[in-house]
Amino acid sequence: MIQQLNIQNLRGIESVTFKDLGRVNLIIGGNNAGKTSILEALTLLTGDQQQLQHLPALFREVDQNDEWNAFWPFLARNGKTKELQVAANQDHVVRVVGNSDNNNNNDLSIRRAGNGTKNTLIQESSIVSFTHKQTNRAETPWRLRILSTTQPTPKTTSELFNTAIPSDPDNELKLEELLKASIEPRLRRMRYLKPPGFKHHIVMVDLGNGTMIPFTQMGQAFARALHIYCEIFAHHPDILIIDEIENGLYHEGLDDFWRGLLQILEDRQVQLFATTHSRECMESAQRANVNMPAPTSLRYLRLDRDVEQPEKIIGTTFDSETMATAIQFGDEMR
């Protein structure tokens, strides 16, 4: 698990350090404060080759024809590529550093080095080469999964479900219990089927009325929660990134959603980094965690612009107890 994250000269961030990170880390802050930059820094640090390849369009709107030119040259703050660095932990260090021989963006490369699993050394190597417009094999001690704000296709979610269930028979029962408790109390069972007339297999849902229906007819909240849980069950990630986690979830159901998610993150030893713009989402996470039999480590990573120096971004880590106090007195935490 990442206990500490340091980011230097990435986009608008000159230097930010988040210490004492938890199992669950909610990234909060105002508009243009750097929340998306934190997700990009984590992807640079822990992503594999395919994730790095898609990074330009993961969290931002970028024209497909200009992904490289519109993203990578602007990653380093003020074009200072040599000073770009993302580092995790002190005793188990993985660093991503920018490198440019002559400060020419055309020579931009991003390199990764550090300790792998069981303290095996990760040799420093280029993971992104702007000169050749390619990503390279990226060694990392963490398995990363990413959920952006782009809604996955029904086929993608259904295939993910079909990967998760056969790998462990208990996953099916657990998944149904989670969705029944947090989204749909009528849920009886789910099956991966190809109904007559369908081109692809799809997850079908039984609500106890004698007819199974496609999960896509259950609403966005059901689809969102189903996909999040299946990502965890199917891929067993060490780190899960979710952009705007509250998307599609009605605020009155957030407490139940968080109860299920917090428990499964702790059970499966998955570390979550998620952005949110919703005070209701932050408060729901806090309430759900307090009411757990064994509360997990919940942190709020807040980004603010310095009042006297607007170009400077400040990062602060709040623990669960501090957040509870803020909620009690109605303080603004976003």
C-alpha atoms as a PDB file:
ATOM      1  CA  MET A   1       0.000   0.000   0.000  1.00  0.00           C
ATOM      2  CA  ILE A   2       1.170   3.533  -0.703  1.00  0.00           C
ATOM      3  CA  GLN A   3       1.686   5.337   2.607  1.00  0.00           C
ATOM      4  CA  GLN A   4       3.155   8.560   1.234  1.00  0.00           C
ATOM      5  CA  LEU A   5       2.946  10.333  -2.107  1.00  0.00           C
ATOM      6  CA  ASN A   6       5.191  13.180  -3.233  1.00  0.00           C
ATOM      7  CA  ILE A   7       4.605  15.091  -6.465  1.00  0.00           C
ATOM      8  CA  GLN A   8       6.938  17.740  -7.857  1.00  0.00           C
ATOM      9  CA  ASN A   9       6.514  19.945 -10.916  1.00  0.00           C
ATOM     10  CA  LEU A  10       3.555  18.124 -12.410  1.00  0.00           C
ATOM     11  CA  ARG A  11       1.169  20.450 -14.242  1.00  0.00           C
ATOM     12  CA  GLY A  12       0.167  23.197 -11.793  1.00  0.00           C
ATOM     13  CA  ILE A  13       1.705  21.437  -8.791  1.00  0.00           C
ATOM     14  CA  GLU A  14       5.134  22.686  -7.741  1.00  0.00           C
ATOM     15  CA  SER A  15       5.490  20.434  -4.713  1.00  0.00           C
ATOM     16  CA  VAL A  16       2.857  18.493  -2.777  1.00  0.00           C
ATOM     17  CA  THR A  17       3.282  15.673  -0.261  1.00  0.00           C
ATOM     18  CA  PHE A  18       0.473  13.561   1.177  1.00  0.00           C
ATOM     19  CA  LYS A  19       1.528  11.568   4.244  1.00  0.00           C
ATOM     20  CA  ASP A  20      -0.236   8.868   6.243  1.00  0.00           C
ATOM     21  CA  LEU A  21      -2.381   7.672   3.344  1.00  0.00           C
ATOM     22  CA  GLY A  22      -5.119   5.179   4.097  1.00  0.00           C
ATOM     23  CA  ARG A  23      -6.972   2.247   2.635  1.00  0.00           C
ATOM     24  CA  VAL A  24      -9.452   4.767   1.197  1.00  0.00           C
ATOM     25  CA  ASN A  25      -8.303   8.182  -0.025  1.00  0.00           C
ATOM     26  CA  LEU A  26     -10.870  10.697  -1.246  1.00  0.00           C
ATOM     27  CA  ILE A  27      -9.329  13.516  -3.281  1.00  0.00           C
ATOM     28  CA  ILE A  28     -11.191  16.784  -2.801  1.00  0.00           C
ATOM     29  CA  GLY A  29     -10.748  20.444  -3.714  1.00  0.00           C
ATOM     30  CA  GLY A  30     -12.099  23.272  -5.820  1.00  0.00           C
ATOM     31  CA  ASN A  31     -12.127  23.569  -9.585  1.00  0.00           C
ATOM     32  CA  ASN A  32      -8.701  23.534 -11.243  1.00  0.00           C
ATOM     33  CA  ALA A  33      -6.992  22.719  -7.942  1.00  0.00           C
ATOM     34  CA  GLY A  34      -5.191  19.635  -9.269  1.00  0.00           C
ATOM     35  CA  LYS A  35      -7.418  16.650  -8.442  1.00  0.00           C
ATOM     36  CA  THR A  36      -7.013  15.158 -11.917  1.00  0.00           C
ATOM     37  CA  SER A  37      -3.253  15.714 -11.710  1.00  0.00           C
ATOM     38  CA  ILE A  38      -3.135  13.447  -8.634  1.00  0.00           C
ATOM     39  CA  LEU A  39      -4.805  10.648 -10.607  1.00  0.00           C
ATOM     40  CA  GLU A  40      -2.348  11.163 -13.474  1.00  0.00           C
ATOM     41  CA  ALA A  41       0.590  11.095 -11.062  1.00  0.00           C
ATOM     42  CA  LEU A  42      -0.622   7.804  -9.580  1.00  0.00           C
ATOM     43  CA  THR A  43      -0.995   6.324 -13.071  1.00  0.00           C
ATOM     44  CA  LEU A  44       2.539   7.415 -13.991  1.00  0.00           C
ATOM     45  CA  LEU A  45       3.784   5.780 -10.820  1.00  0.00           C
ATOM     46  CA  THR A  46       1.882   2.485 -10.896  1.00  0.00           C
ATOM     47  CA  GLY A  47       0.391   2.027 -14.377  1.00  0.00           C
ATOM     48  CA  ASP A  48       1.344  -0.638 -16.890  1.00  0.00           C
ATOM     49  CA  GLN A  49       2.216  -0.009 -20.527  1.00  0.00           C
ATOM     50  CA  GLN A  50      -1.376  -0.050 -21.765  1.00  0.00           C
ATOM     51  CA  GLN A  51      -2.585   2.304 -19.029  1.00  0.00           C
ATOM     52  CA  LEU A  52       0.224   4.733 -19.811  1.00  0.00           C
ATOM     53  CA  GLN A  53      -0.628   4.538 -23.508  1.00  0.00           C
ATOM     54  CA  HIS A  54      -4.208   5.609 -22.767  1.00  0.00           C
ATOM     55  CA  LEU A  55      -3.337   8.144 -20.064  1.00  0.00           C
ATOM     56  CA  PRO A  56      -3.803  11.266 -22.253  1.00  0.00           C
ATOM     57  CA  ALA A  57      -7.521  10.534 -22.642  1.00  0.00           C
ATOM     58  CA  LEU A  58      -8.224   8.710 -19.360  1.00  0.00           C
ATOM     59  CA  PHE A  59      -9.201  11.755 -17.321  1.00  0.00           C
ATOM     60  CA  ARG A  60      -9.274  14.587 -19.892  1.00  0.00           C
ATOM     61  CA  GLU A  61     -11.049  15.412 -23.119  1.00  0.00           C
ATOM     62  CA  VAL A  62      -8.395  15.076 -25.825  1.00  0.00           C
ATOM     63  CA  ASP A  63      -8.820  14.780 -29.577  1.00  0.00           C
ATOM     64  CA  GLN A  64      -7.746  11.284 -30.582  1.00  0.00           C
ATOM     65  CA  ASN A  65      -5.539  12.657 -33.372  1.00  0.00           C
ATOM     66  CA  ASP A  66      -3.661  14.936 -30.978  1.00  0.00           C
ATOM     67  CA  GLU A  67      -3.356  12.784 -27.846  1.00  0.00           C
ATOM     68  CA  TRP A  68       0.426  12.899 -27.687  1.00  0.00           C
ATOM     69  CA  ASN A  69       0.952  16.517 -28.731  1.00  0.00           C
ATOM     70  CA  ALA A  70      -1.846  17.844 -26.507  1.00  0.00           C
ATOM     71  CA  PHE A  71      -0.804  15.949 -23.372  1.00  0.00           C
ATOM     72  CA  TRP A  72       2.790  14.901 -22.814  1.00  0.00           C
ATOM     73  CA  PRO A  73       4.577  18.241 -23.605  1.00  0.00           C
ATOM     74  CA  PHE A  74       2.402  19.958 -20.996  1.00  0.00           C
ATOM     75  CA  LEU A  75       2.800  17.406 -18.210  1.00  0.00           C
ATOM     76  CA  ALA A  76       5.793  19.061 -16.536  1.00  0.00           C
ATOM     77  CA  ARG A  77       5.157  22.362 -14.749  1.00  0.00           C
ATOM     78  CA  ASN A  78       6.361  25.289 -16.843  1.00  0.00           C
ATOM     79  CA  GLY A  79       8.031  22.821 -19.204  1.00  0.00           C
ATOM     80  CA  LYS A  80      10.666  21.878 -16.591  1.00  0.00           C
ATOM     81  CA  THR A  81      10.836  18.224 -17.524  1.00  0.00           C
ATOM     82  CA  LYS A  82      13.995  17.469 -15.550  1.00  0.00           C
ATOM     83  CA  GLU A  83      12.289  18.574 -12.343  1.00  0.00           C
ATOM     84  CA  LEU A  84       9.156  16.423 -12.751  1.00  0.00           C
ATOM     85  CA  GLN A  85       9.032  13.695 -10.107  1.00  0.00           C
ATOM     86  CA  VAL A  86       6.442  11.421  -8.526  1.00  0.00           C
ATOM     87  CA  ALA A  87       7.557   9.279  -5.584  1.00  0.00           C
ATOM     88  CA  ALA A  88       5.807   6.841  -3.256  1.00  0.00           C
ATOM     89  CA  ASN A  89       6.838   5.914   0.294  1.00  0.00           C
ATOM     90  CA  GLN A  90      10.254   6.166   1.887  1.00  0.00           C
ATOM     91  CA  ASP A  91      11.124   2.569   2.684  1.00  0.00           C
ATOM     92  CA  HIS A  92       9.609   1.147  -0.510  1.00  0.00           C
ATOM     93  CA  VAL A  93      10.349   3.749  -3.134  1.00  0.00           C
ATOM     94  CA  VAL A  94       9.172   3.888  -6.700  1.00  0.00           C
ATOM     95  CA  ARG A  95       9.926   7.085  -8.551  1.00  0.00           C
ATOM     96  CA  VAL A  96       8.887   8.476 -11.898  1.00  0.00           C
ATOM     97  CA  VAL A  97      11.214  11.222 -13.063  1.00  0.00           C
ATOM     98  CA  GLY A  98      11.180  13.384 -16.156  1.00  0.00           C
ATOM     99  CA  ASN A  99      14.258  13.598 -18.298  1.00  0.00           C
ATOM    100  CA  SER A 100      15.193  15.920 -21.139  1.00  0.00           C
ATOM    101  CA  ASP A 101      18.776  16.282 -22.317  1.00  0.00           C
ATOM    102  CA  ASN A 102      18.416  19.797 -23.626  1.00  0.00           C
ATOM    103  CA  ASN A 103      15.083  20.980 -22.173  1.00  0.00           C
ATOM    104  CA  ASN A 104      13.508  20.394 -25.561  1.00  0.00           C
ATOM    105  CA  ASN A 105      10.049  18.845 -25.229  1.00  0.00           C
ATOM    106  CA  ASN A 106      10.752  16.776 -28.320  1.00  0.00           C
ATOM    107  CA  ASP A 107      13.267  14.820 -26.230  1.00  0.00           C
ATOM    108  CA  LEU A 108      10.871  14.200 -23.362  1.00  0.00           C
ATOM    109  CA  SER A 109      11.035  10.829 -21.685  1.00  0.00           C
ATOM    110  CA  ILE A 110       9.633   9.664 -18.371  1.00  0.00           C
ATOM    111  CA  ARG A 111      11.603   7.124 -16.409  1.00  0.00           C
ATOM    112  CA  ARG A 112      10.713   4.798 -13.547  1.00  0.00           C
ATOM    113  CA  ALA A 113      12.934   3.120 -10.974  1.00  0.00           C
ATOM    114  CA  GLY A 114      12.662   1.798  -7.418  1.00  0.00           C
ATOM    115  CA  ASN A 115      11.896  -1.327  -5.408  1.00  0.00           C
ATOM    116  CA  GLY A 116       9.616  -4.034  -6.719  1.00  0.00           C
ATOM    117  CA  THR A 117       7.802  -6.781  -4.873  1.00  0.00           C
ATOM    118  CA  LYS A 118       9.836  -8.467  -2.124  1.00  0.00           C
ATOM    119  CA  ASN A 119      12.340  -5.593  -2.403  1.00  0.00           C
ATOM    120  CA  THR A 120      13.530  -6.647  -5.853  1.00  0.00           C
ATOM    121  CA  LEU A 121      15.133  -3.739  -7.683  1.00  0.00           C
ATOM    122  CA  ILE A 122      13.313  -2.124 -10.591  1.00  0.00           C
ATOM    123  CA  GLN A 123      16.042  -0.990 -12.958  1.00  0.00           C
ATOM    124  CA  GLU A 124      15.615   2.587 -14.157  1.00  0.00           C
ATOM    125  CA  SER A 125      14.099   2.602 -17.612  1.00  0.00           C
ATOM    126  CA  SER A 126      12.129   4.862 -19.909  1.00  0.00           C
ATOM    127  CA  ILE A 127       8.403   4.177 -19.627  1.00  0.00           C
ATOM    128  CA  VAL A 128       7.283   6.973 -21.976  1.00  0.00           C
ATOM    129  CA  SER A 129       9.269   8.276 -24.933  1.00  0.00           C
ATOM    130  CA  PHE A 130       7.880  11.393 -26.549  1.00  0.00           C
ATOM    131  CA  THR A 131      10.549  11.273 -29.253  1.00  0.00           C
ATOM    132  CA  HIS A 132       9.148   7.959 -30.514  1.00  0.00           C
ATOM    133  CA  LYS A 133       5.587   8.675 -29.360  1.00  0.00           C
ATOM    134  CA  GLN A 134       5.358   5.381 -27.539  1.00  0.00           C
ATOM    135  CA  THR A 135       5.027   3.852 -24.113  1.00  0.00           C
ATOM    136  CA  ASN A 136       7.380   1.080 -23.093  1.00  0.00           C
ATOM    137  CA  ARG A 137       7.121  -1.924 -20.812  1.00  0.00           C
ATOM    138  CA  ALA A 138       6.542  -0.519 -17.350  1.00  0.00           C
ATOM    139  CA  GLU A 139       7.576  -2.586 -14.344  1.00  0.00           C
ATOM    140  CA  THR A 140       5.607  -1.830 -11.159  1.00  0.00           C
ATOM    141  CA  PRO A 141       5.117  -3.529  -7.773  1.00  0.00           C
ATOM    142  CA  TRP A 142       1.394  -2.651  -7.802  1.00  0.00           C
ATOM    143  CA  ARG A 143      -1.520  -3.930  -9.849  1.00  0.00           C
ATOM    144  CA  LEU A 144      -3.565  -0.917 -10.892  1.00  0.00           C
ATOM    145  CA  ARG A 145      -7.126  -0.640 -12.185  1.00  0.00           C
ATOM    146  CA  ILE A 146      -8.668   2.622 -13.372  1.00  0.00           C
ATOM    147  CA  LEU A 147     -12.287   3.717 -13.703  1.00  0.00           C
ATOM    148  CA  SER A 148     -12.722   7.041 -15.488  1.00  0.00           C
ATOM    149  CA  THR A 149     -15.938   9.019 -15.888  1.00  0.00           C
ATOM    150  CA  THR A 150     -16.538   7.330 -19.255  1.00  0.00           C
ATOM    151  CA  GLN A 151     -19.358   4.813 -18.894  1.00  0.00           C
ATOM    152  CA  PRO A 152     -18.161   1.300 -19.851  1.00  0.00           C
ATOM    153  CA  THR A 153     -20.136  -0.547 -22.506  1.00  0.00           C
ATOM    154  CA  PRO A 154     -22.622  -3.245 -21.418  1.00  0.00           C
ATOM    155  CA  LYS A 155     -20.394  -5.801 -23.134  1.00  0.00           C
ATOM    156  CA  THR A 156     -17.362  -4.669 -21.108  1.00  0.00           C
ATOM    157  CA  THR A 157     -19.191  -4.907 -17.779  1.00  0.00           C
ATOM    158  CA  SER A 158     -20.752  -8.252 -18.677  1.00  0.00           C
ATOM    159  CA  GLU A 159     -17.411  -9.789 -19.675  1.00  0.00           C
ATOM    160  CA  LEU A 160     -15.906  -8.462 -16.456  1.00  0.00           C
ATOM    161  CA  PHE A 161     -18.715 -10.166 -14.527  1.00  0.00           C
ATOM    162  CA  ASN A 162     -18.006 -13.401 -16.390  1.00  0.00           C
ATOM    163  CA  THR A 163     -14.334 -13.134 -15.402  1.00  0.00           C
ATOM    164  CA  ALA A 164     -15.090 -12.442 -11.744  1.00  0.00           C
ATOM    165  CA  ILE A 165     -17.630 -15.169 -11.047  1.00  0.00           C
ATOM    166  CA  PRO A 166     -15.862 -18.336 -12.336  1.00  0.00           C
ATOM    167  CA  SER A 167     -12.612 -17.355 -10.601  1.00  0.00           C
ATOM    168  CA  ASP A 168     -14.267 -17.746  -7.179  1.00  0.00           C
ATOM    169  CA  PRO A 169     -17.772 -19.191  -6.635  1.00  0.00           C
ATOM    170  CA  ASP A 170     -18.169 -17.044  -3.510  1.00  0.00           C
ATOM    171  CA  ASN A 171     -17.914 -13.908  -5.655  1.00  0.00           C
ATOM    172  CA  GLU A 172     -21.386 -14.448  -7.099  1.00  0.00           C
ATOM    173  CA  LEU A 173     -23.084 -14.560  -3.709  1.00  0.00           C
ATOM    174  CA  LYS A 174     -21.008 -11.662  -2.381  1.00  0.00           C
ATOM    175  CA  LEU A 175     -21.756  -9.523  -5.428  1.00  0.00           C
ATOM    176  CA  GLU A 176     -25.477 -10.162  -5.156  1.00  0.00           C
ATOM    177  CA  GLU A 177     -25.417  -9.346  -1.433  1.00  0.00           C
ATOM    178  CA  LEU A 178     -23.576  -6.063  -2.049  1.00  0.00           C
ATOM    179  CA  LEU A 179     -25.931  -4.902  -4.784  1.00  0.00           C
ATOM    180  CA  LYS A 180     -29.012  -5.999  -2.884  1.00  0.00           C
ATOM    181  CA  ALA A 181     -27.945  -4.087   0.220  1.00  0.00           C
ATOM    182  CA  SER A 182     -26.792  -0.923  -1.534  1.00  0.00           C
ATOM    183  CA  ILE A 183     -28.837  -0.522  -4.733  1.00  0.00           C
ATOM    184  CA  GLU A 184     -31.643  -3.002  -5.399  1.00  0.00           C
ATOM    185  CA  PRO A 185     -33.348  -4.832  -2.483  1.00  0.00           C
ATOM    186  CA  ARG A 186     -35.466  -6.930  -4.897  1.00  0.00           C
ATOM    187  CA  LEU A 187     -32.401  -8.581  -6.428  1.00  0.00           C
ATOM    188  CA  ARG A 188     -32.544 -12.397  -6.412  1.00  0.00           C
ATOM    189  CA  ARG A 189     -29.727 -13.474  -8.715  1.00  0.00           C
ATOM    190  CA  MET A 190     -27.635 -12.482 -11.761  1.00  0.00           C
ATOM    191  CA  ARG A 191     -26.540 -14.609 -14.709  1.00  0.00           C
ATOM    192  CA  TYR A 192     -24.260 -14.172 -17.724  1.00  0.00           C
ATOM    193  CA  LEU A 193     -26.502 -15.144 -20.644  1.00  0.00           C
ATOM    194  CA  LYS A 194     -27.103 -14.604 -24.345  1.00  0.00           C
ATOM    195  CA  PRO A 195     -30.872 -14.085 -24.683  1.00  0.00           C
ATOM    196  CA  PRO A 196     -32.582 -14.729 -28.019  1.00  0.00           C
ATOM    197  CA  GLY A 197     -31.930 -11.908 -30.472  1.00  0.00           C
ATOM    198  CA  PHE A 198     -28.904 -10.534 -28.582  1.00  0.00           C
ATOM    199  CA  LYS A 199     -25.559 -10.303 -30.410  1.00  0.00           C
ATOM    200  CA  HIS A 200     -23.512 -10.575 -27.217  1.00  0.00           C
ATOM    201  CA  HIS A 201     -23.756 -12.135 -23.791  1.00  0.00           C
ATOM    202  CA  ILE A 202     -25.017  -9.791 -21.100  1.00  0.00           C
ATOM    203  CA  VAL A 203     -25.633  -9.858 -17.353  1.00  0.00           C
ATOM    204  CA  MET A 204     -29.299 -10.655 -16.767  1.00  0.00           C
ATOM    205  CA  VAL A 205     -30.996  -9.771 -13.490  1.00  0.00           C
ATOM    206  CA  ASP A 206     -33.752 -11.652 -11.651  1.00  0.00           C
ATOM    207  CA  LEU A 207     -35.984  -9.433  -9.497  1.00  0.00           C
ATOM    208  CA  GLY A 208     -38.284 -12.256  -8.488  1.00  0.00           C
ATOM    209  CA  ASN A 209     -41.121 -11.525 -10.910  1.00  0.00           C
ATOM    210  CA  GLY A 210     -40.452 -14.476 -13.197  1.00  0.00           C
ATOM    211  CA  THR A 211     -38.635 -12.567 -15.951  1.00  0.00           C
ATOM    212  CA  MET A 212     -34.920 -11.791 -16.124  1.00  0.00           C
ATOM    213  CA  ILE A 213     -33.974  -8.389 -17.548  1.00  0.00           C
ATOM    214  CA  PRO A 214     -30.677  -6.935 -18.846  1.00  0.00           C
ATOM    215  CA  PHE A 215     -28.714  -5.107 -16.134  1.00  0.00           C
ATOM    216  CA  THR A 216     -28.737  -2.024 -18.360  1.00  0.00           C
ATOM    217  CA  GLN A 217     -32.436  -1.623 -17.537  1.00  0.00           C
ATOM    218  CA  MET A 218     -31.660  -1.327 -13.824  1.00  0.00           C
ATOM    219  CA  GLY A 219     -30.398   2.247 -13.956  1.00  0.00           C
ATOM    220  CA  GLN A 220     -27.006   3.956 -13.853  1.00  0.00           C
ATOM    221  CA  ALA A 221     -26.402   3.423 -10.135  1.00  0.00           C
ATOM    222  CA  PHE A 222     -26.775  -0.348 -10.471  1.00  0.00           C
ATOM    223  CA  ALA A 223     -24.484  -0.443 -13.514  1.00  0.00           C
ATOM    224  CA  ARG A 224     -21.873   1.752 -11.810  1.00  0.00           C
ATOM    225  CA  ALA A 225     -21.767  -0.306  -8.624  1.00  0.00           C
ATOM    226  CA  LEU A 226     -21.770  -3.591 -10.554  1.00  0.00           C
ATOM    227  CA  HIS A 227     -18.761  -2.500 -12.602  1.00  0.00           C
ATOM    228  CA  ILE A 228     -16.793  -1.266  -9.571  1.00  0.00           C
ATOM    229  CA  TYR A 229     -17.320  -4.505  -7.653  1.00  0.00           C
ATOM    230  CA  CYS A 230     -16.495  -6.642 -10.704  1.00  0.00           C
ATOM    231  CA  GLU A 231     -13.226  -4.736 -11.209  1.00  0.00           C
ATOM    232  CA  ILE A 232     -12.181  -5.741  -7.700  1.00  0.00           C
ATOM    233  CA  PHE A 233     -13.356  -9.355  -7.940  1.00  0.00           C
ATOM    234  CA  ALA A 234     -11.992  -9.981 -11.444  1.00  0.00           C
ATOM    235  CA  HIS A 235      -8.612  -8.248 -11.342  1.00  0.00           C
ATOM    236  CA  HIS A 236      -7.592  -8.293  -7.644  1.00  0.00           C
ATOM    237  CA  PRO A 237      -5.914  -4.870  -7.881  1.00  0.00           C
ATOM    238  CA  ASP A 238      -3.590  -3.447  -5.256  1.00  0.00           C
ATOM    239  CA  ILE A 239      -4.683   0.064  -6.200  1.00  0.00           C
ATOM    240  CA  LEU A 240      -8.010   1.212  -7.636  1.00  0.00           C
ATOM    241  CA  ILE A 241      -8.453   4.692  -9.110  1.00  0.00           C
ATOM    242  CA  ILE A 242     -11.976   6.046  -9.603  1.00  0.00           C
ATOM    243  CA  ASP A 243     -12.623   9.466 -11.089  1.00  0.00           C
ATOM    244  CA  GLU A 244     -15.747  11.149  -9.654  1.00  0.00           C
ATOM    245  CA  ILE A 245     -16.827   8.114  -7.665  1.00  0.00           C
ATOM    246  CA  GLU A 246     -20.300   9.510  -6.937  1.00  0.00           C
ATOM    247  CA  ASN A 247     -21.304   9.556 -10.629  1.00  0.00           C
ATOM    248  CA  GLY A 248     -24.693   7.927 -11.160  1.00  0.00           C
ATOM    249  CA  LEU A 249     -25.274   7.291  -7.450  1.00  0.00           C
ATOM    250  CA  TYR A 250     -28.269   8.923  -5.744  1.00  0.00           C
ATOM    251  CA  HIS A 251     -27.226  10.699  -2.550  1.00  0.00           C
ATOM    252  CA  GLU A 252     -29.717   8.809  -0.351  1.00  0.00           C
ATOM    253  CA  GLY A 253     -28.104   5.508  -1.338  1.00  0.00           C
ATOM    254  CA  LEU A 254     -24.513   6.593  -0.782  1.00  0.00           C
ATOM    255  CA  ASP A 255     -24.284   5.328   2.811  1.00  0.00           C
ATOM    256  CA  ASP A 256     -25.250   1.812   1.737  1.00  0.00           C
ATOM    257  CA  PHE A 257     -22.906   1.974  -1.258  1.00  0.00           C
ATOM    258  CA  TRP A 258     -19.977   3.025   0.917  1.00  0.00           C
ATOM    259  CA  ARG A 259     -20.685   0.344   3.531  1.00  0.00           C
ATOM    260  CA  GLY A 260     -20.353  -2.348   0.908  1.00  0.00           C
ATOM    261  CA  LEU A 261     -17.359  -0.805  -0.834  1.00  0.00           C
ATOM    262  CA  LEU A 262     -15.381  -0.124   2.357  1.00  0.00           C
ATOM    263  CA  GLN A 263     -15.837  -3.712   3.492  1.00  0.00           C
ATOM    264  CA  ILE A 264     -14.777  -5.228   0.187  1.00  0.00           C
ATOM    265  CA  LEU A 265     -11.748  -2.925  -0.092  1.00  0.00           C
ATOM    266  CA  GLU A 266     -10.604  -4.006   3.354  1.00  0.00           C
ATOM    267  CA  ASP A 267     -11.353  -7.689   2.767  1.00  0.00           C
ATOM    268  CA  ARG A 268      -9.492  -7.740  -0.570  1.00  0.00           C
ATOM    269  CA  GLN A 269      -6.693  -5.409   0.587  1.00  0.00           C
ATOM    270  CA  VAL A 270      -7.322  -2.868  -2.180  1.00  0.00           C
ATOM    271  CA  GLN A 271      -6.236   0.764  -1.787  1.00  0.00           C
ATOM    272  CA  LEU A 272      -8.652   3.296  -3.272  1.00  0.00           C
ATOM    273  CA  PHE A 273      -7.893   6.751  -4.649  1.00  0.00           C
ATOM    274  CA  ALA A 274     -11.042   8.527  -5.802  1.00  0.00           C
ATOM    275  CA  THR A 275     -11.997  12.085  -6.662  1.00  0.00           C
ATOM    276  CA  THR A 276     -15.325  13.576  -5.639  1.00  0.00           C
ATOM    277  CA  HIS A 277     -17.071  16.933  -5.937  1.00  0.00           C
ATOM    278  CA  SER A 278     -19.895  15.911  -3.622  1.00  0.00           C
ATOM    279  CA  ARG A 279     -20.088  16.843   0.054  1.00  0.00           C
ATOM    280  CA  GLU A 280     -22.778  14.155   0.424  1.00  0.00           C
ATOM    281  CA  CYS A 281     -20.296  11.564  -0.876  1.00  0.00           C
ATOM    282  CA  MET A 282     -17.625  12.658   1.615  1.00  0.00           C
ATOM    283  CA  GLU A 283     -20.048  12.598   4.524  1.00  0.00           C
ATOM    284  CA  SER A 284     -21.491   9.232   3.502  1.00  0.00           C
ATOM    285  CA  ALA A 285     -18.037   7.667   3.416  1.00  0.00           C
ATOM    286  CA  GLN A 286     -17.376   9.024   6.900  1.00  0.00           C
ATOM    287  CA  ARG A 287     -20.675   7.758   8.335  1.00  0.00           C
ATOM    288  CA  ALA A 288     -20.327   4.340   6.727  1.00  0.00           C
ATOM    289  CA  ASN A 289     -16.794   3.948   8.035  1.00  0.00           C
ATOM    290  CA  VAL A 290     -17.682   4.920  11.616  1.00  0.00           C
ATOM    291  CA  ASN A 291     -20.471   2.351  11.645  1.00  0.00           C
ATOM    292  CA  MET A 292     -18.278  -0.506  10.440  1.00  0.00           C
ATOM    293  CA  PRO A 293     -17.377  -3.193  13.036  1.00  0.00           C
ATOM    294  CA  ALA A 294     -13.711  -2.454  12.292  1.00  0.00           C
ATOM    295  CA  PRO A 295     -13.363   0.957  10.599  1.00  0.00           C
ATOM    296  CA  THR A 296     -10.790   1.171   7.828  1.00  0.00           C
ATOM    297  CA  SER A 297      -8.211   3.931   7.399  1.00  0.00           C
ATOM    298  CA  LEU A 298     -10.116   6.714   5.606  1.00  0.00           C
ATOM    299  CA  ARG A 299      -8.295   9.836   4.437  1.00  0.00           C
ATOM    300  CA  TYR A 300      -9.300  13.031   2.660  1.00  0.00           C
ATOM    301  CA  LEU A 301      -6.635  14.555   0.423  1.00  0.00           C
ATOM    302  CA  ARG A 302      -7.495  18.211  -0.038  1.00  0.00           C
ATOM    303  CA  LEU A 303      -5.967  20.530  -2.628  1.00  0.00           C
ATOM    304  CA  ASP A 304      -6.198  24.310  -2.289  1.00  0.00           C
ATOM    305  CA  ARG A 305      -4.688  27.297  -4.011  1.00  0.00           C
ATOM    306  CA  ASP A 306      -2.716  29.586  -1.713  1.00  0.00           C
ATOM    307  CA  VAL A 307      -4.709  32.787  -1.122  1.00  0.00           C
ATOM    308  CA  GLU A 308      -1.636  35.007  -1.321  1.00  0.00           C
ATOM    309  CA  GLN A 309       0.068  33.007  -4.079  1.00  0.00           C
ATOM    310  CA  PRO A 310      -2.690  31.640  -6.368  1.00  0.00           C
ATOM    311  CA  GLU A 311      -0.144  29.849  -8.542  1.00  0.00           C
ATOM    312  CA  LYS A 312       0.839  27.679  -5.550  1.00  0.00           C
ATOM    313  CA  ILE A 313      -1.177  24.537  -4.749  1.00  0.00           C
ATOM    314  CA  ILE A 314      -1.209  23.213  -1.184  1.00  0.00           C
ATOM    315  CA  GLY A 315      -1.977  19.594  -0.283  1.00  0.00           C
ATOM    316  CA  THR A 316      -3.372  18.563   3.119  1.00  0.00           C
ATOM    317  CA  THR A 317      -4.285  15.130   4.498  1.00  0.00           C
ATOM    318  CA  PHE A 318      -7.316  14.938   6.808  1.00  0.00           C
ATOM    319  CA  ASP A 319      -8.052  11.799   8.798  1.00  0.00           C
ATOM    320  CA  SER A 320     -11.496  10.421   9.499  1.00  0.00           C
ATOM    321  CA  GLU A 321     -11.751  12.050  12.935  1.00  0.00           C
ATOM    322  CA  THR A 322     -10.967  15.508  11.526  1.00  0.00           C
ATOM    323  CA  MET A 323     -13.594  15.025   8.852  1.00  0.00           C
ATOM    324  CA  ALA A 324     -16.154  14.006  11.484  1.00  0.00           C
ATOM    325  CA  THR A 325     -15.481  17.232  13.374  1.00  0.00           C
ATOM    326  CA  ALA A 326     -15.829  19.281  10.188  1.00  0.00           C
ATOM    327  CA  ILE A 327     -19.177  17.622   9.461  1.00  0.00           C
ATOM    328  CA  GLN A 328     -20.385  18.251  13.011  1.00  0.00           C
ATOM    329  CA  PHE A 329     -19.639  21.976  12.822  1.00  0.00           C
ATOM    330  CA  GLY A 330     -20.627  22.384   9.173  1.00  0.00           C
ATOM    331  CA  ASP A 331     -17.151  23.355   7.954  1.00  0.00           C
ATOM    332  CA  GLU A 332     -16.452  23.468   4.235  1.00  0.00           C
ATOM    333  CA  MET A 333     -14.174  20.565   3.303  1.00  0.00           C
ATOM    334  CA  ARG A 334     -14.485  20.461  -0.460  1.00  0.00           C
END
